Amino acid sequence: YRAVLHAVREGLLLIDHDDKVQLVNDEARRLL
C-alpha cells in the first residue's frame, strides 16, 4: 500500500463520511 500510494503519478485523496482527510499521497500534497 505504501509503495503503490507513493509511486503513482496521480494525486490520491481519500475522505470519510465527515469530509475529513484519511489518506493522501505525495503527489496530492504537492498539487494541493
PDB file of all heavy atoms in Angstrom:
ATOM      1  N   TYR A   1       0.835  -1.207   0.000  1.00  0.00           N
ATOM      2  CA  TYR A   1       0.000   0.000   0.000  1.00  0.00           C
ATOM      3  C   TYR A   1       0.866   1.251   0.000  1.00  0.00           C
ATOM      4  O   TYR A   1       0.636   2.193  -0.759  1.00  0.00           O
ATOM      5  CB  TYR A   1      -0.927  -0.047   1.208  1.00  0.00           C
ATOM      6  CG  TYR A   1      -1.210   1.270   1.875  1.00  0.00           C
ATOM      7  CD1 TYR A   1      -2.095   2.179   1.323  1.00  0.00           C
ATOM      8  CD2 TYR A   1      -0.581   1.610   3.066  1.00  0.00           C
ATOM      9  CE1 TYR A   1      -2.342   3.393   1.935  1.00  0.00           C
ATOM     10  CE2 TYR A   1      -0.822   2.820   3.683  1.00  0.00           C
ATOM     11  CZ  TYR A   1      -1.703   3.698   3.112  1.00  0.00           C
ATOM     12  OH  TYR A   1      -1.931   4.895   3.720  1.00  0.00           O
ATOM     13  N   ARG A   2       1.914   1.281   0.860  1.00  0.00           N
ATOM     14  CA  ARG A   2       2.788   2.446   0.914  1.00  0.00           C
ATOM     15  C   ARG A   2       3.539   2.609  -0.401  1.00  0.00           C
ATOM     16  O   ARG A   2       3.691   3.736  -0.906  1.00  0.00           O
ATOM     17  CB  ARG A   2       3.784   2.294   2.062  1.00  0.00           C
ATOM     18  CG  ARG A   2       3.160   2.277   3.442  1.00  0.00           C
ATOM     19  CD  ARG A   2       2.616   3.613   3.847  1.00  0.00           C
ATOM     20  NE  ARG A   2       3.648   4.617   3.976  1.00  0.00           N
ATOM     21  CZ  ARG A   2       3.417   5.871   4.322  1.00  0.00           C
ATOM     22  NH1 ARG A   2       2.170   6.270   4.547  1.00  0.00           N
ATOM     23  NH2 ARG A   2       4.392   6.741   4.411  1.00  0.00           N
ATOM     24  N   ALA A   3       4.008   1.487  -0.956  1.00  0.00           N
ATOM     25  CA  ALA A   3       4.771   1.563  -2.200  1.00  0.00           C
ATOM     26  C   ALA A   3       3.910   2.076  -3.351  1.00  0.00           C
ATOM     27  O   ALA A   3       4.317   2.965  -4.103  1.00  0.00           O
ATOM     28  CB  ALA A   3       5.347   0.184  -2.543  1.00  0.00           C
ATOM     29  N   VAL A   4       2.706   1.520  -3.483  1.00  0.00           N
ATOM     30  CA  VAL A   4       1.816   1.936  -4.576  1.00  0.00           C
ATOM     31  C   VAL A   4       1.337   3.364  -4.374  1.00  0.00           C
ATOM     32  O   VAL A   4       1.280   4.163  -5.312  1.00  0.00           O
ATOM     33  CB  VAL A   4       0.623   0.962  -4.684  1.00  0.00           C
ATOM     34  CG1 VAL A   4      -0.396   1.469  -5.689  1.00  0.00           C
ATOM     35  CG2 VAL A   4       1.115  -0.422  -5.082  1.00  0.00           C
ATOM     36  N   LEU A   5       1.002   3.690  -3.131  1.00  0.00           N
ATOM     37  CA  LEU A   5       0.457   5.019  -2.839  1.00  0.00           C
ATOM     38  C   LEU A   5       1.419   6.117  -3.255  1.00  0.00           C
ATOM     39  O   LEU A   5       1.015   7.148  -3.812  1.00  0.00           O
ATOM     40  CB  LEU A   5       0.141   5.122  -1.353  1.00  0.00           C
ATOM     41  CG  LEU A   5      -0.471   6.440  -0.877  1.00  0.00           C
ATOM     42  CD1 LEU A   5      -1.849   6.628  -1.489  1.00  0.00           C
ATOM     43  CD2 LEU A   5      -0.564   6.465   0.639  1.00  0.00           C
ATOM     44  N   HIS A   6       2.712   5.924  -2.987  1.00  0.00           N
ATOM     45  CA  HIS A   6       3.685   6.976  -3.272  1.00  0.00           C
ATOM     46  C   HIS A   6       4.345   6.818  -4.638  1.00  0.00           C
ATOM     47  O   HIS A   6       5.136   7.668  -5.038  1.00  0.00           O
ATOM     48  CB  HIS A   6       4.760   6.988  -2.181  1.00  0.00           C
ATOM     49  CG  HIS A   6       4.216   7.311  -0.830  1.00  0.00           C
ATOM     50  ND1 HIS A   6       3.790   8.579  -0.482  1.00  0.00           N
ATOM     51  CD2 HIS A   6       4.002   6.545   0.259  1.00  0.00           C
ATOM     52  CE1 HIS A   6       3.352   8.573   0.762  1.00  0.00           C
ATOM     53  NE2 HIS A   6       3.456   7.351   1.236  1.00  0.00           N
ATOM     54  N   ALA A   7       4.029   5.728  -5.346  1.00  0.00           N
ATOM     55  CA  ALA A   7       4.618   5.536  -6.663  1.00  0.00           C
ATOM     56  C   ALA A   7       3.730   6.086  -7.775  1.00  0.00           C
ATOM     57  O   ALA A   7       4.241   6.450  -8.839  1.00  0.00           O
ATOM     58  CB  ALA A   7       4.887   4.047  -6.902  1.00  0.00           C
ATOM     59  N   VAL A   8       2.422   6.130  -7.577  1.00  0.00           N
ATOM     60  CA  VAL A   8       1.533   6.601  -8.637  1.00  0.00           C
ATOM     61  C   VAL A   8       1.781   8.071  -8.928  1.00  0.00           C
ATOM     62  O   VAL A   8       2.095   8.853  -8.030  1.00  0.00           O
ATOM     63  CB  VAL A   8       0.054   6.362  -8.256  1.00  0.00           C
ATOM     64  CG1 VAL A   8      -0.256   4.898  -8.155  1.00  0.00           C
ATOM     65  CG2 VAL A   8      -0.275   7.058  -6.944  1.00  0.00           C
ATOM     66  N   ARG A   9       1.648   8.449 -10.152  1.00  0.00           N
ATOM     67  CA  ARG A   9       1.916   9.825 -10.563  1.00  0.00           C
ATOM     68  C   ARG A   9       0.699  10.718 -10.392  1.00  0.00           C
ATOM     69  O   ARG A   9       0.806  11.934 -10.520  1.00  0.00           O
ATOM     70  CB  ARG A   9       2.376   9.840 -12.024  1.00  0.00           C
ATOM     71  CG  ARG A   9       3.674   9.057 -12.254  1.00  0.00           C
ATOM     72  CD  ARG A   9       4.146   9.190 -13.683  1.00  0.00           C
ATOM     73  NE  ARG A   9       4.413  10.575 -14.030  1.00  0.00           N
ATOM     74  CZ  ARG A   9       4.764  10.994 -15.239  1.00  0.00           C
ATOM     75  NH1 ARG A   9       4.873  10.106 -16.231  1.00  0.00           N
ATOM     76  NH2 ARG A   9       4.992  12.264 -15.494  1.00  0.00           N
ATOM     77  N   GLU A  10      -0.455  10.139 -10.145  1.00  0.00           N
ATOM     78  CA  GLU A  10      -1.653  10.930  -9.910  1.00  0.00           C
ATOM     79  C   GLU A  10      -1.811  11.205  -8.426  1.00  0.00           C
ATOM     80  O   GLU A  10      -1.397  10.417  -7.580  1.00  0.00           O
ATOM     81  CB  GLU A  10      -2.897  10.192 -10.426  1.00  0.00           C
ATOM     82  CG  GLU A  10      -2.951  10.043 -11.930  1.00  0.00           C
ATOM     83  CD  GLU A  10      -4.252   9.432 -12.389  1.00  0.00           C
ATOM     84  OE1 GLU A  10      -4.993   8.927 -11.522  1.00  0.00           O
ATOM     85  OE2 GLU A  10      -4.542   9.473 -13.590  1.00  0.00           O
ATOM     86  N   GLY A  11      -2.402  12.343  -8.107  1.00  0.00           N
ATOM     87  CA  GLY A  11      -2.713  12.638  -6.720  1.00  0.00           C
ATOM     88  C   GLY A  11      -3.898  11.817  -6.256  1.00  0.00           C
ATOM     89  O   GLY A  11      -4.857  11.601  -7.008  1.00  0.00           O
ATOM     90  N   LEU A  12      -3.822  11.326  -5.034  1.00  0.00           N
ATOM     91  CA  LEU A  12      -4.879  10.471  -4.493  1.00  0.00           C
ATOM     92  C   LEU A  12      -5.303  11.003  -3.142  1.00  0.00           C
ATOM     93  O   LEU A  12      -4.468  11.244  -2.268  1.00  0.00           O
ATOM     94  CB  LEU A  12      -4.379   9.030  -4.364  1.00  0.00           C
ATOM     95  CG  LEU A  12      -5.396   7.991  -3.893  1.00  0.00           C
ATOM     96  CD1 LEU A  12      -6.523   7.862  -4.901  1.00  0.00           C
ATOM     97  CD2 LEU A  12      -4.717   6.650  -3.680  1.00  0.00           C
ATOM     98  N   LEU A  13      -6.622  11.164  -2.974  1.00  0.00           N
ATOM     99  CA  LEU A  13      -7.175  11.737  -1.755  1.00  0.00           C
ATOM    100  C   LEU A  13      -8.372  10.889  -1.340  1.00  0.00           C
ATOM    101  O   LEU A  13      -9.261  10.634  -2.153  1.00  0.00           O
ATOM    102  CB  LEU A  13      -7.620  13.185  -2.011  1.00  0.00           C
ATOM    103  CG  LEU A  13      -7.833  14.111  -0.822  1.00  0.00           C
ATOM    104  CD1 LEU A  13      -6.514  14.404  -0.140  1.00  0.00           C
ATOM    105  CD2 LEU A  13      -8.467  15.409  -1.286  1.00  0.00           C
ATOM    106  N   LEU A  14      -8.376  10.428  -0.072  1.00  0.00           N
ATOM    107  CA  LEU A  14      -9.495   9.637   0.444  1.00  0.00           C
ATOM    108  C   LEU A  14     -10.088  10.373   1.637  1.00  0.00           C
ATOM    109  O   LEU A  14      -9.381  10.714   2.583  1.00  0.00           O
ATOM    110  CB  LEU A  14      -9.020   8.247   0.877  1.00  0.00           C
ATOM    111  CG  LEU A  14     -10.083   7.345   1.523  1.00  0.00           C
ATOM    112  CD1 LEU A  14     -11.199   7.058   0.533  1.00  0.00           C
ATOM    113  CD2 LEU A  14      -9.465   6.050   2.025  1.00  0.00           C
ATOM    114  N   ILE A  15     -11.391  10.622   1.583  1.00  0.00           N
ATOM    115  CA  ILE A  15     -12.077  11.317   2.670  1.00  0.00           C
ATOM    116  C   ILE A  15     -13.199  10.426   3.197  1.00  0.00           C
ATOM    117  O   ILE A  15     -13.742   9.594   2.465  1.00  0.00           O
ATOM    118  CB  ILE A  15     -12.647  12.685   2.213  1.00  0.00           C
ATOM    119  CG1 ILE A  15     -13.646  12.502   1.070  1.00  0.00           C
ATOM    120  CG2 ILE A  15     -11.533  13.618   1.805  1.00  0.00           C
ATOM    121  CD1 ILE A  15     -14.322  13.786   0.644  1.00  0.00           C
ATOM    122  N   ASP A  16     -13.544  10.612   4.480  1.00  0.00           N
ATOM    123  CA  ASP A  16     -14.583   9.794   5.089  1.00  0.00           C
ATOM    124  C   ASP A  16     -15.930  10.493   5.015  1.00  0.00           C
ATOM    125  O   ASP A  16     -16.083  11.524   4.344  1.00  0.00           O
ATOM    126  CB  ASP A  16     -14.217   9.459   6.541  1.00  0.00           C
ATOM    127  CG  ASP A  16     -14.033  10.712   7.396  1.00  0.00           C
ATOM    128  OD1 ASP A  16     -14.496  11.804   6.970  1.00  0.00           O
ATOM    129  OD2 ASP A  16     -13.433  10.608   8.485  1.00  0.00           O
ATOM    130  N   HIS A  17     -16.923   9.939   5.742  1.00  0.00           N
ATOM    131  CA  HIS A  17     -18.278  10.500   5.685  1.00  0.00           C
ATOM    132  C   HIS A  17     -18.353  11.894   6.300  1.00  0.00           C
ATOM    133  O   HIS A  17     -19.276  12.657   5.997  1.00  0.00           O
ATOM    134  CB  HIS A  17     -19.251   9.565   6.406  1.00  0.00           C
ATOM    135  CG  HIS A  17     -19.467   8.262   5.687  1.00  0.00           C
ATOM    136  ND1 HIS A  17     -20.080   8.183   4.455  1.00  0.00           N
ATOM    137  CD2 HIS A  17     -19.145   6.985   6.018  1.00  0.00           C
ATOM    138  CE1 HIS A  17     -20.132   6.922   4.067  1.00  0.00           C
ATOM    139  NE2 HIS A  17     -19.565   6.175   4.993  1.00  0.00           N
ATOM    140  N   ASP A  18     -17.406  12.237   7.162  1.00  0.00           N
ATOM    141  CA  ASP A  18     -17.393  13.560   7.797  1.00  0.00           C
ATOM    142  C   ASP A  18     -16.558  14.555   7.014  1.00  0.00           C
ATOM    143  O   ASP A  18     -16.207  15.618   7.540  1.00  0.00           O
ATOM    144  CB  ASP A  18     -16.858  13.451   9.228  1.00  0.00           C
ATOM    145  CG  ASP A  18     -17.734  12.574  10.101  1.00  0.00           C
ATOM    146  OD1 ASP A  18     -18.964  12.592   9.883  1.00  0.00           O
ATOM    147  OD2 ASP A  18     -17.199  11.876  10.985  1.00  0.00           O
ATOM    148  N   ASP A  19     -16.211  14.210   5.774  1.00  0.00           N
ATOM    149  CA  ASP A  19     -15.397  15.068   4.906  1.00  0.00           C
ATOM    150  C   ASP A  19     -14.030  15.353   5.505  1.00  0.00           C
ATOM    151  O   ASP A  19     -13.454  16.433   5.306  1.00  0.00           O
ATOM    152  CB  ASP A  19     -16.123  16.392   4.594  1.00  0.00           C
ATOM    153  CG  ASP A  19     -17.394  16.180   3.813  1.00  0.00           C
ATOM    154  OD1 ASP A  19     -17.509  15.141   3.151  1.00  0.00           O
ATOM    155  OD2 ASP A  19     -18.297  17.046   3.881  1.00  0.00           O
ATOM    156  N   LYS A  20     -13.506  14.392   6.252  1.00  0.00           N
ATOM    157  CA  LYS A  20     -12.158  14.529   6.809  1.00  0.00           C
ATOM    158  C   LYS A  20     -11.186  13.661   6.012  1.00  0.00           C
ATOM    159  O   LYS A  20     -11.517  12.545   5.611  1.00  0.00           O
ATOM    160  CB  LYS A  20     -12.134  14.130   8.277  1.00  0.00           C
ATOM    161  CG  LYS A  20     -12.901  15.092   9.172  1.00  0.00           C
ATOM    162  CD  LYS A  20     -12.791  14.697  10.638  1.00  0.00           C
ATOM    163  CE  LYS A  20     -13.530  15.705  11.522  1.00  0.00           C
ATOM    164  NZ  LYS A  20     -13.452  15.336  12.959  1.00  0.00           N
ATOM    165  N   VAL A  21      -9.981  14.205   5.803  1.00  0.00           N
ATOM    166  CA  VAL A  21      -8.978  13.508   5.011  1.00  0.00           C
ATOM    167  C   VAL A  21      -8.443  12.326   5.814  1.00  0.00           C
ATOM    168  O   VAL A  21      -7.987  12.487   6.950  1.00  0.00           O
ATOM    169  CB  VAL A  21      -7.832  14.455   4.628  1.00  0.00           C
ATOM    170  CG1 VAL A  21      -6.772  13.707   3.825  1.00  0.00           C
ATOM    171  CG2 VAL A  21      -8.368  15.634   3.817  1.00  0.00           C
ATOM    172  N   GLN A  22      -8.491  11.132   5.216  1.00  0.00           N
ATOM    173  CA  GLN A  22      -7.978   9.935   5.870  1.00  0.00           C
ATOM    174  C   GLN A  22      -6.756   9.362   5.173  1.00  0.00           C
ATOM    175  O   GLN A  22      -6.001   8.595   5.777  1.00  0.00           O
ATOM    176  CB  GLN A  22      -9.069   8.862   5.933  1.00  0.00           C
ATOM    177  CG  GLN A  22     -10.284   9.259   6.728  1.00  0.00           C
ATOM    178  CD  GLN A  22      -9.955   9.556   8.181  1.00  0.00           C
ATOM    179  OE1 GLN A  22      -9.043   8.978   8.761  1.00  0.00           O
ATOM    180  NE2 GLN A  22     -10.679  10.494   8.777  1.00  0.00           N
ATOM    181  N   LEU A  23      -6.538   9.743   3.935  1.00  0.00           N
ATOM    182  CA  LEU A  23      -5.396   9.215   3.196  1.00  0.00           C
ATOM    183  C   LEU A  23      -5.030  10.206   2.101  1.00  0.00           C
ATOM    184  O   LEU A  23      -5.906  10.769   1.437  1.00  0.00           O
ATOM    185  CB  LEU A  23      -5.748   7.855   2.597  1.00  0.00           C
ATOM    186  CG  LEU A  23      -4.641   7.063   1.879  1.00  0.00           C
ATOM    187  CD1 LEU A  23      -4.873   5.571   2.060  1.00  0.00           C
ATOM    188  CD2 LEU A  23      -4.625   7.394   0.377  1.00  0.00           C
ATOM    189  N   VAL A  24      -3.733  10.432   1.909  1.00  0.00           N
ATOM    190  CA  VAL A  24      -3.268  11.352   0.866  1.00  0.00           C
ATOM    191  C   VAL A  24      -1.854  10.932   0.484  1.00  0.00           C
ATOM    192  O   VAL A  24      -1.061  10.526   1.335  1.00  0.00           O
ATOM    193  CB  VAL A  24      -3.302  12.817   1.370  1.00  0.00           C
ATOM    194  CG1 VAL A  24      -2.395  13.009   2.567  1.00  0.00           C
ATOM    195  CG2 VAL A  24      -2.942  13.785   0.261  1.00  0.00           C
ATOM    196  N   ASN A  25      -1.546  10.985  -0.811  1.00  0.00           N
ATOM    197  CA  ASN A  25      -0.197  10.626  -1.234  1.00  0.00           C
ATOM    198  C   ASN A  25       0.626  11.879  -1.527  1.00  0.00           C
ATOM    199  O   ASN A  25       0.141  13.007  -1.436  1.00  0.00           O
ATOM    200  CB  ASN A  25      -0.233   9.683  -2.441  1.00  0.00           C
ATOM    201  CG  ASN A  25      -0.772  10.362  -3.692  1.00  0.00           C
ATOM    202  OD1 ASN A  25      -1.278  11.472  -3.640  1.00  0.00           O
ATOM    203  ND2 ASN A  25      -0.659   9.681  -4.820  1.00  0.00           N
ATOM    204  N   ASP A  26       1.899  11.665  -1.882  1.00  0.00           N
ATOM    205  CA  ASP A  26       2.823  12.791  -2.059  1.00  0.00           C
ATOM    206  C   ASP A  26       2.384  13.709  -3.193  1.00  0.00           C
ATOM    207  O   ASP A  26       2.515  14.938  -3.099  1.00  0.00           O
ATOM    208  CB  ASP A  26       4.237  12.264  -2.324  1.00  0.00           C
ATOM    209  CG  ASP A  26       4.788  11.480  -1.141  1.00  0.00           C
ATOM    210  OD1 ASP A  26       4.300  11.718  -0.018  1.00  0.00           O
ATOM    211  OD2 ASP A  26       5.689  10.648  -1.339  1.00  0.00           O
ATOM    212  N   GLU A  27       1.893  13.122  -4.287  1.00  0.00           N
ATOM    213  CA  GLU A  27       1.509  13.941  -5.429  1.00  0.00           C
ATOM    214  C   GLU A  27       0.325  14.847  -5.085  1.00  0.00           C
ATOM    215  O   GLU A  27       0.279  16.010  -5.495  1.00  0.00           O
ATOM    216  CB  GLU A  27       1.171  13.036  -6.621  1.00  0.00           C
ATOM    217  CG  GLU A  27       0.828  13.775  -7.905  1.00  0.00           C
ATOM    218  CD  GLU A  27       1.985  14.547  -8.493  1.00  0.00           C
ATOM    219  OE1 GLU A  27       3.120  14.426  -7.973  1.00  0.00           O
ATOM    220  OE2 GLU A  27       1.771  15.278  -9.477  1.00  0.00           O
ATOM    221  N   ALA A  28      -0.635  14.317  -4.325  1.00  0.00           N
ATOM    222  CA  ALA A  28      -1.771  15.146  -3.920  1.00  0.00           C
ATOM    223  C   ALA A  28      -1.313  16.270  -3.000  1.00  0.00           C
ATOM    224  O   ALA A  28      -1.818  17.408  -3.074  1.00  0.00           O
ATOM    225  CB  ALA A  28      -2.826  14.287  -3.224  1.00  0.00           C
ATOM    226  N   ARG A  29      -0.364  15.981  -2.111  1.00  0.00           N
ATOM    227  CA  ARG A  29       0.175  17.039  -1.253  1.00  0.00           C
ATOM    228  C   ARG A  29       0.811  18.144  -2.080  1.00  0.00           C
ATOM    229  O   ARG A  29       0.661  19.330  -1.782  1.00  0.00           O
ATOM    230  CB  ARG A  29       1.207  16.456  -0.280  1.00  0.00           C
ATOM    231  CG  ARG A  29       0.629  15.559   0.809  1.00  0.00           C
ATOM    232  CD  ARG A  29       1.749  14.995   1.678  1.00  0.00           C
ATOM    233  NE  ARG A  29       1.265  14.065   2.675  1.00  0.00           N
ATOM    234  CZ  ARG A  29       0.836  14.396   3.886  1.00  0.00           C
ATOM    235  NH1 ARG A  29       0.846  15.678   4.247  1.00  0.00           N
ATOM    236  NH2 ARG A  29       0.416  13.489   4.741  1.00  0.00           N
ATOM    237  N   ARG A  30       1.535  17.745  -3.141  1.00  0.00           N
ATOM    238  CA  ARG A  30       2.205  18.744  -3.986  1.00  0.00           C
ATOM    239  C   ARG A  30       1.192  19.562  -4.793  1.00  0.00           C
ATOM    240  O   ARG A  30       1.276  20.798  -4.844  1.00  0.00           O
ATOM    241  CB  ARG A  30       3.181  18.033  -4.935  1.00  0.00           C
ATOM    242  CG  ARG A  30       3.979  18.998  -5.814  1.00  0.00           C
ATOM    243  CD  ARG A  30       4.830  18.237  -6.811  1.00  0.00           C
ATOM    244  NE  ARG A  30       4.018  17.638  -7.853  1.00  0.00           N
ATOM    245  CZ  ARG A  30       3.607  18.281  -8.946  1.00  0.00           C
ATOM    246  NH1 ARG A  30       3.920  19.559  -9.137  1.00  0.00           N
ATOM    247  NH2 ARG A  30       2.884  17.655  -9.855  1.00  0.00           N
ATOM    248  N   LEU A  31       0.245  18.881  -5.407  1.00  0.00           N
ATOM    249  CA  LEU A  31      -0.703  19.589  -6.265  1.00  0.00           C
ATOM    250  C   LEU A  31      -1.607  20.530  -5.477  1.00  0.00           C
ATOM    251  O   LEU A  31      -1.944  21.617  -5.957  1.00  0.00           O
ATOM    252  CB  LEU A  31      -1.556  18.574  -7.038  1.00  0.00           C
ATOM    253  CG  LEU A  31      -0.811  17.694  -8.051  1.00  0.00           C
ATOM    254  CD1 LEU A  31      -1.758  16.690  -8.670  1.00  0.00           C
ATOM    255  CD2 LEU A  31      -0.157  18.555  -9.125  1.00  0.00           C
ATOM    256  N   LEU A  32      -2.012  20.112  -4.277  1.00  0.00           N
ATOM    257  CA  LEU A  32      -2.947  20.916  -3.488  1.00  0.00           C
ATOM    258  C   LEU A  32      -2.246  21.742  -2.420  1.00  0.00           C
ATOM    259  O   LEU A  32      -2.909  22.455  -1.666  1.00  0.00           O
ATOM    260  CB  LEU A  32      -3.988  20.004  -2.827  1.00  0.00           C
ATOM    261  CG  LEU A  32      -4.867  19.191  -3.791  1.00  0.00           C
ATOM    262  CD1 LEU A  32      -5.790  18.274  -3.020  1.00  0.00           C
ATOM    263  CD2 LEU A  32      -5.666  20.119  -4.695  1.00  0.00           C
TER     264      LEU A  32
END
